Amino acid sequence: MSLVLAPTFVPGVAHAKEAAAVKVSGKDAIAGATTVTIGAFNVGFIFESTDQIQKTGGALAAVGGVTKAKSSLVGVTPEMMQQITDAAYADLVQRLVASGFTVAEPTAVFASKELASKGKAEPAEATLLLEKKSKGKATYMFPAAIPRQIMIMGDIPTSGGFGQMGNTMAYAQNGVALGNYARSSGTPVITATYLIDFSDQKRPGAFNFGGLKVNANLSVTPGYSKMTVIGANGKQTVLTLGQSVSVDGEFIEMSDASSGSEKGVQAAANVAGGIAAAVGLGGLGFGKTRKYAFNAKPGNYEEGATKVASLANDLLVAQLTGPR
C-alpha cells in the first residue's frame, strides 16, 4: 500500500529510561526450522483512554486533585480495522518468506484435533491497563486468512478481576493446544499481537494540559505488542517491543471535546477549593478533566496504521530470524 502523505516515521521512541527496542525471552524455539505456521495474528485498536497525573504545582497547587485527559477515537469502522489487520498480516507473511521461511496455511492448524474447538469467531473487546493510572478500551481484530481468533496468555493487558477468569483459562488452554500442534506437526507456530494507540500523552511537542501532554499520532504500544514462537522442540521464544513504534502524519484530527459548562464547573470548584485551603479548611482536590476527540481521516488513517504495524513486523522478524 503506497503512502501518499510522506509521513515522518519515528520508530523506537522511549519515554523514560531507555529500553531495548525488542526484549527477547527464551531462545531456540525456531532453531533449524524452514517452515512455520502463523496460528494467531491480532491487532488491537484503542478507542478510549484516560490518563491522569496528580496536581503538583502552579496556581492550583493548594487544591490538590488530579489532572485527567479523556480521549476518544471516532470515525474508525470495522471495515477499516479489518483492512488494516489483513494488510499487516500479509506484510508479516511476506517478511517471513523473504527471510527464507515457508509459511504454511493457518487453516491446517485450525483443522487439527488440537485446535478444533479453540478460538472465537468474533473480535475481542477488552478494558486495558496501559500504564500506572492509565486505562483504555480496545477492539482486537484478526485477519480473514485465519479462521478464528486465538489469544494466549499475556496477549491482552486486561484489568483483571473475577470476570476475566474465563478468558484467562481459555488463553492458557490455547497456548497448550498450539504447543501440542507444534510438536505433533513438527512445525513452529508463530503468534503475534499488536496494540495500536491513537494518542500519546508524553511525546515531545504535544499539546500541554496541566502537565499532561496530549497529541495525535499512531503508535504500536510497547510491552503489549509482541510475537511468540512456540517451537516444535518444546521451547518458546517471546519477542516484546520495548519501545513504541510511531508514525506521524495527517491521519487524525484532534479537538477539545469538553463543553463550556464542564470547564466552568471545574474552574469554579477549583477556585472554591483554593479558597478553602487558604483559610485553613483544607483543599477540596477537584483537579481538572478535559475530553479530547480524535477524528480518524478515512484513507489516511488506514495507511498510517498499516505502516506502523509493518514497522513492528520489521523489528520483530529481524530479531526472530537473526539467531537462526
Foldseek 3Di string as FASTA:
>chain_A
DDDPFPFDWDFFDDQPPRDDQKDKDWDDQCPPAQEAEAQAEKEKEWFKKKAKDWQCDDPLNQQIAMEMEIEGEDDQDPVLVQLLQQLLVVLLCVLSVVLRHHYDQNVVLCVDPLNVPAAAQAWDWAWADQDVRMITIITMDTYPSHRGHAAAPLQGRHPDDPVCPVVNVRRPSSVVSQLVCQQVVVHKYKYWYWYKYQWDQRDPPADDDSNTGIDGWIKTRWPNTWMKIRHSVRIIMIMTGPGITIIDGPFKDKDWPDDPVLVVVLVVLSVVQVVCSVVPNGHPHHHYYTYMYIYGDPPSNSVRSSVNSSVVSVVHVCVVSVVD
